[in-house]
Amino acid sequence: MLHRVFHAIIVNKISYAIAISAWYGFLNKSHVLQINSLLKRAFKYGYVKSVTKFEQLLQDYDDKLFTKATHGNHAMHHLLPIPKSTHYNLRTLDHRLSDNLVKSNYTIRHSSID
């Protein structure tokens, strides 16, 4: 029962902060270590049944966002590349999107080596 309370309060607050502010891109290694040590101590003291890593929370959030964005009614759906059509018998991917990304002038200008 205690693990459900910890997950409902602490882990969900961390997940909410990841989703709302996208602050996780600005974290340095020491911040990630502090969050991971909090999660490890929760396991040590018996608040949770298994150790959760911050990186796993980030991966789960990214996977959920990508899954939601691939549906046609999501606000970010128009930013994804068009689905590719192939007549070859290739290995299956998790998605059917093409790898032709939109290149902006900034990408083209700064990607060349001078």
N, C-alpha and C. Protein backbone atom coordinates (compact mmCIF):
# COMPACT_ATOMS: atom_id res chain seq x y z
N MET A 1 0.82 -1.20 0.00
CA MET A 1 0.00 0.00 0.00
C MET A 1 0.87 1.26 0.00
N LEU A 2 2.00 1.22 0.72
CA LEU A 2 2.87 2.39 0.79
C LEU A 2 3.48 2.71 -0.56
N HIS A 3 3.78 1.69 -1.37
CA HIS A 3 4.36 1.94 -2.68
C HIS A 3 3.37 2.66 -3.60
N ARG A 4 2.08 2.41 -3.44
CA ARG A 4 1.08 3.10 -4.24
C ARG A 4 1.00 4.58 -3.87
N VAL A 5 1.11 4.86 -2.58
CA VAL A 5 1.07 6.26 -2.12
C VAL A 5 2.30 7.01 -2.63
N PHE A 6 3.50 6.37 -2.52
CA PHE A 6 4.73 7.01 -3.00
C PHE A 6 4.64 7.25 -4.51
N HIS A 7 4.16 6.26 -5.23
CA HIS A 7 4.06 6.42 -6.67
C HIS A 7 3.03 7.51 -7.02
N ALA A 8 1.92 7.53 -6.31
CA ALA A 8 0.87 8.51 -6.59
C ALA A 8 1.31 9.93 -6.29
N ILE A 9 2.15 10.10 -5.29
CA ILE A 9 2.53 11.46 -4.91
C ILE A 9 3.86 11.87 -5.54
N ILE A 10 4.93 11.16 -5.23
CA ILE A 10 6.28 11.58 -5.64
C ILE A 10 6.54 11.34 -7.13
N VAL A 11 6.34 10.11 -7.57
CA VAL A 11 6.65 9.79 -8.97
C VAL A 11 5.73 10.56 -9.91
N ASN A 12 4.48 10.72 -9.56
CA ASN A 12 3.58 11.49 -10.42
C ASN A 12 3.93 12.97 -10.44
N LYS A 13 4.44 13.51 -9.36
CA LYS A 13 4.88 14.92 -9.38
C LYS A 13 6.09 15.09 -10.29
N ILE A 14 7.01 14.14 -10.26
CA ILE A 14 8.17 14.20 -11.14
C ILE A 14 7.72 14.06 -12.59
N SER A 15 6.81 13.14 -12.86
CA SER A 15 6.29 12.94 -14.22
C SER A 15 5.54 14.17 -14.70
N TYR A 16 4.77 14.79 -13.82
CA TYR A 16 4.05 16.01 -14.18
C TYR A 16 5.01 17.14 -14.52
N ALA A 17 6.07 17.26 -13.75
CA ALA A 17 7.06 18.30 -14.02
C ALA A 17 7.74 18.07 -15.36
N ILE A 18 7.98 16.81 -15.70
CA ILE A 18 8.57 16.50 -17.00
C ILE A 18 7.62 16.92 -18.11
N ALA A 19 6.35 16.61 -17.96
CA ALA A 19 5.38 16.89 -19.02
C ALA A 19 5.07 18.37 -19.18
N ILE A 20 4.95 19.08 -18.09
CA ILE A 20 4.52 20.48 -18.16
C ILE A 20 5.63 21.42 -18.60
N SER A 21 6.76 21.34 -17.98
CA SER A 21 7.76 22.38 -18.20
C SER A 21 8.90 21.99 -19.11
N ALA A 22 9.03 20.73 -19.43
CA ALA A 22 10.15 20.25 -20.24
C ALA A 22 11.49 20.69 -19.64
N TRP A 23 11.54 20.76 -18.34
CA TRP A 23 12.76 21.18 -17.65
C TRP A 23 13.83 20.12 -17.66
N TYR A 24 13.48 18.90 -18.00
CA TYR A 24 14.45 17.83 -17.92
C TYR A 24 15.59 18.01 -18.91
N GLY A 25 15.40 18.80 -19.96
CA GLY A 25 16.48 19.06 -20.90
C GLY A 25 17.56 19.95 -20.34
N PHE A 26 17.25 20.67 -19.27
CA PHE A 26 18.21 21.58 -18.67
C PHE A 26 18.88 21.01 -17.42
N LEU A 27 18.57 19.78 -17.08
CA LEU A 27 19.18 19.17 -15.91
C LEU A 27 20.60 18.75 -16.20
N ASN A 28 21.47 18.96 -15.24
CA ASN A 28 22.82 18.43 -15.40
C ASN A 28 22.92 17.10 -14.67
N LYS A 29 24.07 16.48 -14.73
CA LYS A 29 24.23 15.14 -14.18
C LYS A 29 24.00 15.11 -12.68
N SER A 30 24.38 16.15 -11.95
CA SER A 30 24.20 16.15 -10.50
C SER A 30 22.72 16.17 -10.12
N HIS A 31 21.89 16.87 -10.90
CA HIS A 31 20.46 16.87 -10.62
C HIS A 31 19.85 15.49 -10.85
N VAL A 32 20.26 14.85 -11.93
CA VAL A 32 19.75 13.51 -12.22
C VAL A 32 20.19 12.54 -11.13
N LEU A 33 21.42 12.67 -10.65
CA LEU A 33 21.90 11.81 -9.57
C LEU A 33 21.11 12.03 -8.28
N GLN A 34 20.74 13.28 -8.00
CA GLN A 34 19.94 13.57 -6.81
C GLN A 34 18.56 12.93 -6.90
N ILE A 35 17.94 13.02 -8.06
CA ILE A 35 16.62 12.42 -8.24
C ILE A 35 16.72 10.90 -8.15
N ASN A 36 17.76 10.33 -8.78
CA ASN A 36 17.94 8.88 -8.69
C ASN A 36 18.22 8.43 -7.27
N SER A 37 18.97 9.22 -6.51
CA SER A 37 19.25 8.83 -5.12
C SER A 37 17.98 8.90 -4.27
N LEU A 38 17.10 9.85 -4.56
CA LEU A 38 15.81 9.90 -3.87
C LEU A 38 15.00 8.64 -4.14
N LEU A 39 14.99 8.23 -5.40
CA LEU A 39 14.23 7.04 -5.78
C LEU A 39 14.87 5.77 -5.19
N LYS A 40 16.21 5.74 -5.11
CA LYS A 40 16.88 4.58 -4.48
C LYS A 40 16.61 4.51 -2.99
N ARG A 41 16.62 5.67 -2.33
CA ARG A 41 16.33 5.69 -0.89
C ARG A 41 14.90 5.26 -0.61
N ALA A 42 14.00 5.59 -1.50
CA ALA A 42 12.62 5.14 -1.34
C ALA A 42 12.54 3.62 -1.37
N PHE A 43 13.34 3.00 -2.22
CA PHE A 43 13.39 1.53 -2.25
C PHE A 43 14.06 0.99 -0.99
N LYS A 44 15.13 1.65 -0.57
CA LYS A 44 15.87 1.20 0.63
C LYS A 44 14.98 1.21 1.87
N TYR A 45 14.17 2.23 2.01
CA TYR A 45 13.32 2.36 3.19
C TYR A 45 11.97 1.65 3.04
N GLY A 46 11.76 0.99 1.91
CA GLY A 46 10.56 0.20 1.73
C GLY A 46 9.35 0.95 1.24
N TYR A 47 9.54 2.14 0.69
CA TYR A 47 8.40 2.89 0.17
C TYR A 47 7.93 2.35 -1.17
N VAL A 48 8.82 1.74 -1.91
CA VAL A 48 8.49 1.16 -3.22
C VAL A 48 9.01 -0.27 -3.30
N LYS A 49 8.45 -1.04 -4.22
CA LYS A 49 8.84 -2.44 -4.36
C LYS A 49 10.04 -2.64 -5.27
N SER A 50 10.28 -1.70 -6.17
CA SER A 50 11.43 -1.80 -7.08
C SER A 50 12.02 -0.42 -7.29
N VAL A 51 13.28 -0.40 -7.69
CA VAL A 51 13.98 0.86 -7.93
C VAL A 51 13.56 1.41 -9.28
N THR A 52 13.13 2.64 -9.30
CA THR A 52 12.79 3.34 -10.53
C THR A 52 13.89 4.34 -10.83
N LYS A 53 14.35 4.38 -12.06
CA LYS A 53 15.38 5.34 -12.45
C LYS A 53 14.72 6.52 -13.15
N PHE A 54 15.31 7.68 -12.97
CA PHE A 54 14.80 8.89 -13.60
C PHE A 54 14.84 8.77 -15.12
N GLU A 55 15.89 8.14 -15.63
CA GLU A 55 16.01 7.95 -17.07
C GLU A 55 14.85 7.11 -17.62
N GLN A 56 14.39 6.15 -16.82
CA GLN A 56 13.26 5.33 -17.24
C GLN A 56 11.97 6.16 -17.28
N LEU A 57 11.83 7.07 -16.32
CA LEU A 57 10.66 7.96 -16.34
C LEU A 57 10.68 8.84 -17.59
N LEU A 58 11.87 9.34 -17.96
CA LEU A 58 11.99 10.14 -19.17
C LEU A 58 11.66 9.33 -20.42
N GLN A 59 12.17 8.10 -20.47
CA GLN A 59 11.90 7.24 -21.62
C GLN A 59 10.41 6.92 -21.73
N ASP A 60 9.79 6.64 -20.60
CA ASP A 60 8.34 6.36 -20.60
C ASP A 60 7.55 7.56 -21.09
N TYR A 61 7.95 8.76 -20.63
CA TYR A 61 7.26 9.98 -21.06
C TYR A 61 7.42 10.19 -22.57
N ASP A 62 8.64 10.02 -23.08
CA ASP A 62 8.87 10.19 -24.51
C ASP A 62 8.08 9.18 -25.33
N ASP A 63 8.02 7.94 -24.87
CA ASP A 63 7.26 6.92 -25.58
C ASP A 63 5.77 7.24 -25.61
N LYS A 64 5.23 7.70 -24.48
CA LYS A 64 3.81 8.06 -24.43
C LYS A 64 3.52 9.25 -25.34
N LEU A 65 4.41 10.24 -25.34
CA LEU A 65 4.21 11.42 -26.19
C LEU A 65 4.25 11.03 -27.67
N PHE A 66 5.20 10.19 -28.06
CA PHE A 66 5.28 9.78 -29.46
C PHE A 66 4.06 8.98 -29.87
N THR A 67 3.60 8.10 -28.99
CA THR A 67 2.41 7.30 -29.30
C THR A 67 1.19 8.19 -29.47
N LYS A 68 1.04 9.17 -28.59
CA LYS A 68 -0.09 10.09 -28.71
C LYS A 68 0.01 10.94 -29.96
N ALA A 69 1.23 11.39 -30.30
CA ALA A 69 1.42 12.27 -31.45
C ALA A 69 1.18 11.56 -32.77
N THR A 70 1.33 10.25 -32.81
CA THR A 70 1.10 9.53 -34.07
C THR A 70 -0.37 9.38 -34.39
N HIS A 71 -1.25 9.62 -33.46
CA HIS A 71 -2.69 9.58 -33.74
C HIS A 71 -3.08 10.87 -34.46
N GLY A 72 -4.02 10.77 -35.36
CA GLY A 72 -4.39 11.90 -36.21
C GLY A 72 -4.99 13.09 -35.50
N ASN A 73 -5.55 12.91 -34.32
CA ASN A 73 -6.22 14.02 -33.65
C ASN A 73 -5.33 14.76 -32.65
N HIS A 74 -4.05 14.47 -32.60
CA HIS A 74 -3.14 15.14 -31.67
C HIS A 74 -2.65 16.45 -32.28
N ALA A 75 -2.40 17.45 -31.45
CA ALA A 75 -1.98 18.77 -31.92
C ALA A 75 -0.61 18.74 -32.59
N MET A 76 0.23 17.79 -32.24
CA MET A 76 1.57 17.71 -32.83
C MET A 76 1.63 16.78 -34.04
N HIS A 77 0.52 16.21 -34.43
CA HIS A 77 0.52 15.24 -35.52
C HIS A 77 1.03 15.84 -36.83
N HIS A 78 0.70 17.09 -37.10
CA HIS A 78 1.12 17.71 -38.36
C HIS A 78 2.62 17.93 -38.44
N LEU A 79 3.34 17.85 -37.32
CA LEU A 79 4.78 18.03 -37.32
C LEU A 79 5.55 16.77 -37.71
N LEU A 80 4.87 15.63 -37.69
CA LEU A 80 5.52 14.37 -38.03
C LEU A 80 5.68 14.23 -39.54
N PRO A 81 6.68 13.50 -39.99
CA PRO A 81 6.83 13.27 -41.43
C PRO A 81 5.71 12.38 -41.95
N ILE A 82 5.51 12.42 -43.24
CA ILE A 82 4.44 11.61 -43.84
C ILE A 82 4.79 10.12 -43.73
N PRO A 83 3.77 9.26 -43.64
CA PRO A 83 4.06 7.82 -43.60
C PRO A 83 4.70 7.37 -44.91
N LYS A 84 5.69 6.52 -44.81
CA LYS A 84 6.36 6.06 -46.02
C LYS A 84 5.67 4.80 -46.53
N SER A 85 5.70 4.66 -47.81
CA SER A 85 5.14 3.45 -48.41
C SER A 85 6.28 2.71 -49.09
N THR A 86 6.41 1.45 -48.79
CA THR A 86 7.45 0.64 -49.38
C THR A 86 6.85 -0.69 -49.84
N HIS A 87 7.39 -1.20 -50.91
CA HIS A 87 6.91 -2.45 -51.44
C HIS A 87 7.90 -3.58 -51.17
N TYR A 88 8.88 -3.28 -50.34
CA TYR A 88 9.89 -4.27 -50.00
C TYR A 88 9.47 -5.02 -48.75
N ASN A 89 9.99 -6.21 -48.59
CA ASN A 89 9.72 -7.00 -47.40
C ASN A 89 10.86 -6.76 -46.41
N LEU A 90 10.81 -5.64 -45.72
CA LEU A 90 11.85 -5.25 -44.78
C LEU A 90 11.43 -5.57 -43.36
N ARG A 91 12.35 -5.39 -42.43
CA ARG A 91 12.00 -5.60 -41.02
C ARG A 91 10.96 -4.57 -40.60
N THR A 92 10.16 -4.91 -39.62
CA THR A 92 9.10 -4.01 -39.18
C THR A 92 9.66 -2.99 -38.20
N LEU A 93 9.11 -1.80 -38.26
CA LEU A 93 9.49 -0.73 -37.35
C LEU A 93 8.34 -0.48 -36.39
N ASP A 94 8.62 0.27 -35.33
CA ASP A 94 7.56 0.63 -34.39
C ASP A 94 6.58 1.63 -34.98
N HIS A 95 7.00 2.30 -36.03
CA HIS A 95 6.15 3.29 -36.68
C HIS A 95 6.33 3.17 -38.18
N ARG A 96 5.44 3.82 -38.93
CA ARG A 96 5.53 3.79 -40.39
C ARG A 96 5.84 5.17 -40.94
N LEU A 97 6.61 5.95 -40.26
CA LEU A 97 6.90 7.31 -40.69
C LEU A 97 8.16 7.33 -41.55
N SER A 98 8.20 8.25 -42.49
CA SER A 98 9.39 8.35 -43.34
C SER A 98 10.49 9.07 -42.57
N ASP A 99 11.69 8.94 -43.08
CA ASP A 99 12.81 9.59 -42.41
C ASP A 99 13.18 10.90 -43.09
N ASN A 100 12.35 11.37 -44.01
CA ASN A 100 12.57 12.66 -44.65
C ASN A 100 12.04 13.76 -43.74
N LEU A 101 12.93 14.40 -43.04
CA LEU A 101 12.54 15.46 -42.13
C LEU A 101 12.62 16.80 -42.83
N VAL A 102 11.88 17.75 -42.35
CA VAL A 102 11.92 19.09 -42.91
C VAL A 102 13.21 19.75 -42.47
N LYS A 103 13.95 20.30 -43.42
CA LYS A 103 15.20 20.97 -43.09
C LYS A 103 14.98 22.48 -43.17
N SER A 104 15.28 23.13 -42.10
CA SER A 104 15.12 24.58 -42.08
C SER A 104 16.39 25.22 -42.60
N ASN A 105 16.32 26.52 -42.82
CA ASN A 105 17.51 27.25 -43.26
C ASN A 105 18.59 27.20 -42.19
N TYR A 106 18.17 27.19 -40.93
CA TYR A 106 19.14 27.13 -39.83
C TYR A 106 19.91 25.82 -39.88
N THR A 107 19.24 24.71 -40.13
CA THR A 107 19.89 23.40 -40.18
C THR A 107 20.84 23.33 -41.36
N ILE A 108 20.40 23.83 -42.50
CA ILE A 108 21.24 23.76 -43.68
C ILE A 108 22.44 24.66 -43.53
N ARG A 109 22.26 25.84 -42.99
CA ARG A 109 23.33 26.81 -42.86
C ARG A 109 24.40 26.32 -41.87
N HIS A 110 24.00 25.72 -40.76
CA HIS A 110 24.95 25.35 -39.74
C HIS A 110 25.43 23.91 -39.81
N SER A 111 24.90 23.15 -40.75
CA SER A 111 25.31 21.76 -40.84
C SER A 111 26.52 21.56 -41.73
N SER A 112 26.85 22.53 -42.56
CA SER A 112 28.01 22.37 -43.45
C SER A 112 29.29 22.68 -42.70
N ILE A 113 30.31 21.99 -43.09
CA ILE A 113 31.63 22.19 -42.46
C ILE A 113 32.40 23.18 -43.30
N ASP A 114 32.87 24.25 -42.68
CA ASP A 114 33.61 25.29 -43.40
C ASP A 114 35.08 25.11 -43.22
